[in-house]
Amino acid sequence: MSSMSVTVHEAFPVVSARGETGVLGDAFKPAWRNFVGFIAGVISLTGIIPSAVLGVLAWLAWRRWWPRPPRSDAPTQKA
């Protein structure tokens, strides 16, 4: 048997430094920061993803056309 304790809190209202509740400017600032951070993340991914794809394609091309040494465990043919 075990016990569990749950505490529920109601969200605090947005209150400005002047004491006014629900000031649009106070809610807009963090929303703008989150939006700018999201766009910065998207921009960085658009640089990382194509680089990764090109890297994989280059590796596959290298594997396909780079001469490989003969396998040592290949069966030898006797004439």
N, C-alpha and C. Protein backbone atom coordinates (compact mmCIF):
# COMPACT_ATOMS: atom_id res chain seq x y z
N MET A 1 0.84 -1.17 0.00
CA MET A 1 0.00 0.00 0.00
C MET A 1 0.89 1.24 0.00
N SER A 2 0.44 2.24 -0.70
CA SER A 2 1.18 3.49 -0.73
C SER A 2 0.20 4.65 -0.70
N SER A 3 0.72 5.80 -0.40
CA SER A 3 -0.12 6.99 -0.38
C SER A 3 0.42 8.00 -1.37
N MET A 4 -0.48 8.82 -1.85
CA MET A 4 -0.09 9.84 -2.82
C MET A 4 -0.74 11.14 -2.40
N SER A 5 0.01 12.21 -2.50
CA SER A 5 -0.50 13.54 -2.15
C SER A 5 -0.53 14.39 -3.42
N VAL A 6 -1.64 15.05 -3.67
CA VAL A 6 -1.80 15.89 -4.85
C VAL A 6 -2.15 17.29 -4.38
N THR A 7 -1.44 18.27 -4.92
CA THR A 7 -1.71 19.68 -4.61
C THR A 7 -2.04 20.38 -5.92
N VAL A 8 -3.14 21.09 -5.95
CA VAL A 8 -3.59 21.79 -7.14
C VAL A 8 -3.58 23.29 -6.84
N HIS A 9 -2.97 24.04 -7.77
CA HIS A 9 -2.93 25.50 -7.63
C HIS A 9 -3.61 26.13 -8.83
N GLU A 10 -4.30 27.21 -8.57
CA GLU A 10 -4.91 27.97 -9.65
C GLU A 10 -3.86 28.91 -10.24
N ALA A 11 -3.87 29.08 -11.55
CA ALA A 11 -2.89 29.95 -12.20
C ALA A 11 -3.07 31.38 -11.72
N PHE A 12 -1.93 32.06 -11.52
CA PHE A 12 -1.97 33.44 -11.08
C PHE A 12 -2.34 34.34 -12.25
N PRO A 13 -3.12 35.38 -12.01
CA PRO A 13 -3.45 36.31 -13.10
C PRO A 13 -2.24 37.16 -13.46
N VAL A 14 -2.19 37.62 -14.70
CA VAL A 14 -1.10 38.49 -15.13
C VAL A 14 -1.34 39.86 -14.53
N VAL A 15 -0.38 40.32 -13.71
CA VAL A 15 -0.52 41.61 -13.05
C VAL A 15 0.70 42.44 -13.42
N SER A 16 0.48 43.66 -13.86
CA SER A 16 1.59 44.53 -14.24
C SER A 16 2.24 45.12 -13.00
N ALA A 17 3.32 45.82 -13.22
CA ALA A 17 4.03 46.47 -12.10
C ALA A 17 3.17 47.56 -11.47
N ARG A 18 2.22 48.09 -12.23
CA ARG A 18 1.33 49.13 -11.71
C ARG A 18 0.15 48.54 -10.95
N GLY A 19 0.04 47.22 -10.94
CA GLY A 19 -1.05 46.59 -10.22
C GLY A 19 -2.28 46.34 -11.05
N GLU A 20 -2.22 46.62 -12.33
CA GLU A 20 -3.37 46.40 -13.19
C GLU A 20 -3.38 44.95 -13.67
N THR A 21 -4.54 44.37 -13.72
CA THR A 21 -4.67 42.98 -14.15
C THR A 21 -4.97 42.92 -15.64
N GLY A 22 -4.28 42.01 -16.34
CA GLY A 22 -4.59 41.76 -17.74
C GLY A 22 -4.09 42.82 -18.70
N VAL A 23 -2.98 43.45 -18.42
CA VAL A 23 -2.42 44.44 -19.33
C VAL A 23 -1.84 43.71 -20.52
N LEU A 24 -2.27 44.11 -21.71
CA LEU A 24 -1.87 43.41 -22.93
C LEU A 24 -0.37 43.49 -23.16
N GLY A 25 0.23 44.60 -22.87
CA GLY A 25 1.68 44.76 -23.08
C GLY A 25 2.50 43.79 -22.26
N ASP A 26 2.06 43.52 -21.03
CA ASP A 26 2.79 42.59 -20.18
C ASP A 26 2.70 41.16 -20.69
N ALA A 27 1.62 40.82 -21.32
CA ALA A 27 1.48 39.48 -21.88
C ALA A 27 2.17 39.38 -23.24
N PHE A 28 2.29 40.50 -23.95
CA PHE A 28 2.86 40.50 -25.28
C PHE A 28 4.37 40.30 -25.26
N LYS A 29 5.06 40.84 -24.26
CA LYS A 29 6.52 40.75 -24.21
C LYS A 29 7.02 39.31 -24.18
N PRO A 30 6.55 38.45 -23.27
CA PRO A 30 7.04 37.06 -23.29
C PRO A 30 6.58 36.30 -24.54
N ALA A 31 5.41 36.64 -25.05
CA ALA A 31 4.96 35.99 -26.27
C ALA A 31 5.87 36.35 -27.43
N TRP A 32 6.29 37.60 -27.50
CA TRP A 32 7.20 38.02 -28.57
C TRP A 32 8.54 37.33 -28.43
N ARG A 33 9.07 37.22 -27.21
CA ARG A 33 10.34 36.53 -26.99
C ARG A 33 10.25 35.06 -27.40
N ASN A 34 9.14 34.41 -27.07
CA ASN A 34 8.96 33.01 -27.48
C ASN A 34 8.87 32.88 -28.99
N PHE A 35 8.20 33.81 -29.65
CA PHE A 35 8.08 33.77 -31.10
C PHE A 35 9.45 33.95 -31.75
N VAL A 36 10.23 34.91 -31.27
CA VAL A 36 11.57 35.13 -31.82
C VAL A 36 12.46 33.92 -31.60
N GLY A 37 12.36 33.30 -30.44
CA GLY A 37 13.13 32.08 -30.18
C GLY A 37 12.72 30.94 -31.09
N PHE A 38 11.43 30.82 -31.35
CA PHE A 38 10.94 29.78 -32.26
C PHE A 38 11.47 29.99 -33.67
N ILE A 39 11.40 31.23 -34.16
CA ILE A 39 11.90 31.54 -35.51
C ILE A 39 13.41 31.29 -35.58
N ALA A 40 14.14 31.64 -34.55
CA ALA A 40 15.58 31.38 -34.53
C ALA A 40 15.86 29.88 -34.59
N GLY A 41 15.07 29.09 -33.90
CA GLY A 41 15.23 27.63 -33.96
C GLY A 41 14.93 27.08 -35.34
N VAL A 42 13.89 27.59 -35.98
CA VAL A 42 13.55 27.15 -37.34
C VAL A 42 14.67 27.51 -38.30
N ILE A 43 15.22 28.71 -38.17
CA ILE A 43 16.31 29.13 -39.06
C ILE A 43 17.53 28.24 -38.86
N SER A 44 17.84 27.90 -37.62
CA SER A 44 19.01 27.04 -37.39
C SER A 44 18.77 25.63 -37.92
N LEU A 45 17.53 25.14 -37.82
CA LEU A 45 17.25 23.81 -38.37
C LEU A 45 17.32 23.79 -39.89
N THR A 46 16.94 24.89 -40.53
CA THR A 46 17.01 24.92 -41.99
C THR A 46 18.45 24.91 -42.46
N GLY A 47 19.38 25.21 -41.60
CA GLY A 47 20.80 25.09 -41.95
C GLY A 47 21.35 23.73 -41.59
N ILE A 48 20.85 23.13 -40.52
CA ILE A 48 21.38 21.85 -40.05
C ILE A 48 20.87 20.68 -40.90
N ILE A 49 19.59 20.69 -41.20
CA ILE A 49 19.00 19.56 -41.92
C ILE A 49 19.59 19.39 -43.32
N PRO A 50 19.69 20.45 -44.15
CA PRO A 50 20.32 20.25 -45.46
C PRO A 50 21.77 19.80 -45.35
N SER A 51 22.49 20.30 -44.35
CA SER A 51 23.88 19.88 -44.17
C SER A 51 23.95 18.40 -43.84
N ALA A 52 23.05 17.93 -43.00
CA ALA A 52 23.03 16.51 -42.65
C ALA A 52 22.68 15.65 -43.85
N VAL A 53 21.71 16.10 -44.66
CA VAL A 53 21.33 15.34 -45.86
C VAL A 53 22.50 15.28 -46.83
N LEU A 54 23.17 16.40 -47.06
CA LEU A 54 24.33 16.41 -47.95
C LEU A 54 25.45 15.52 -47.41
N GLY A 55 25.63 15.51 -46.11
CA GLY A 55 26.64 14.64 -45.52
C GLY A 55 26.34 13.17 -45.75
N VAL A 56 25.09 12.78 -45.58
CA VAL A 56 24.69 11.38 -45.80
C VAL A 56 24.87 11.02 -47.27
N LEU A 57 24.46 11.91 -48.18
CA LEU A 57 24.63 11.65 -49.61
C LEU A 57 26.10 11.53 -50.00
N ALA A 58 26.94 12.39 -49.44
CA ALA A 58 28.38 12.31 -49.71
C ALA A 58 28.96 11.00 -49.20
N TRP A 59 28.53 10.57 -48.01
CA TRP A 59 29.02 9.31 -47.46
C TRP A 59 28.60 8.13 -48.33
N LEU A 60 27.33 8.15 -48.79
CA LEU A 60 26.85 7.07 -49.66
C LEU A 60 27.61 7.05 -50.98
N ALA A 61 27.89 8.22 -51.56
CA ALA A 61 28.65 8.28 -52.80
C ALA A 61 30.07 7.77 -52.57
N TRP A 62 30.66 8.15 -51.45
CA TRP A 62 32.00 7.66 -51.15
C TRP A 62 32.01 6.15 -51.01
N ARG A 63 31.05 5.58 -50.34
CA ARG A 63 30.97 4.13 -50.17
C ARG A 63 30.77 3.42 -51.51
N ARG A 64 30.03 4.07 -52.41
CA ARG A 64 29.71 3.45 -53.68
C ARG A 64 30.90 3.44 -54.63
N TRP A 65 31.64 4.54 -54.72
CA TRP A 65 32.66 4.66 -55.75
C TRP A 65 34.09 4.60 -55.25
N TRP A 66 34.35 4.60 -53.99
CA TRP A 66 35.71 4.52 -53.49
C TRP A 66 36.19 3.07 -53.62
N PRO A 67 37.37 2.86 -54.22
CA PRO A 67 37.83 1.46 -54.38
C PRO A 67 38.12 0.83 -53.02
N ARG A 68 37.65 -0.38 -52.89
CA ARG A 68 37.85 -1.12 -51.65
C ARG A 68 38.91 -2.19 -51.86
N PRO A 69 39.69 -2.46 -50.83
CA PRO A 69 40.67 -3.54 -50.97
C PRO A 69 39.94 -4.89 -51.05
N PRO A 70 40.53 -5.86 -51.67
CA PRO A 70 39.86 -7.16 -51.76
C PRO A 70 39.68 -7.76 -50.37
N ARG A 71 38.61 -8.50 -50.21
CA ARG A 71 38.33 -9.14 -48.92
C ARG A 71 39.29 -10.29 -48.70
N SER A 72 39.78 -10.40 -47.51
CA SER A 72 40.73 -11.47 -47.20
C SER A 72 40.03 -12.79 -46.98
N ASP A 73 38.74 -12.79 -46.67
CA ASP A 73 38.03 -14.03 -46.44
C ASP A 73 37.30 -14.51 -47.70
N ALA A 74 37.58 -13.86 -48.85
CA ALA A 74 36.94 -14.29 -50.09
C ALA A 74 37.53 -15.62 -50.52
N PRO A 75 36.73 -16.54 -51.04
CA PRO A 75 37.28 -17.83 -51.48
C PRO A 75 38.19 -17.64 -52.69
N THR A 76 39.27 -18.39 -52.68
CA THR A 76 40.21 -18.33 -53.80
C THR A 76 39.83 -19.39 -54.80
N GLN A 77 40.03 -19.07 -56.08
CA GLN A 77 39.70 -20.03 -57.13
C GLN A 77 40.95 -20.78 -57.55
N LYS A 78 40.84 -22.11 -57.66
CA LYS A 78 41.97 -22.94 -58.09
C LYS A 78 41.74 -23.30 -59.54
N ALA A 79 42.81 -23.18 -60.33
CA ALA A 79 42.70 -23.50 -61.74
C ALA A 79 43.01 -24.93 -62.04
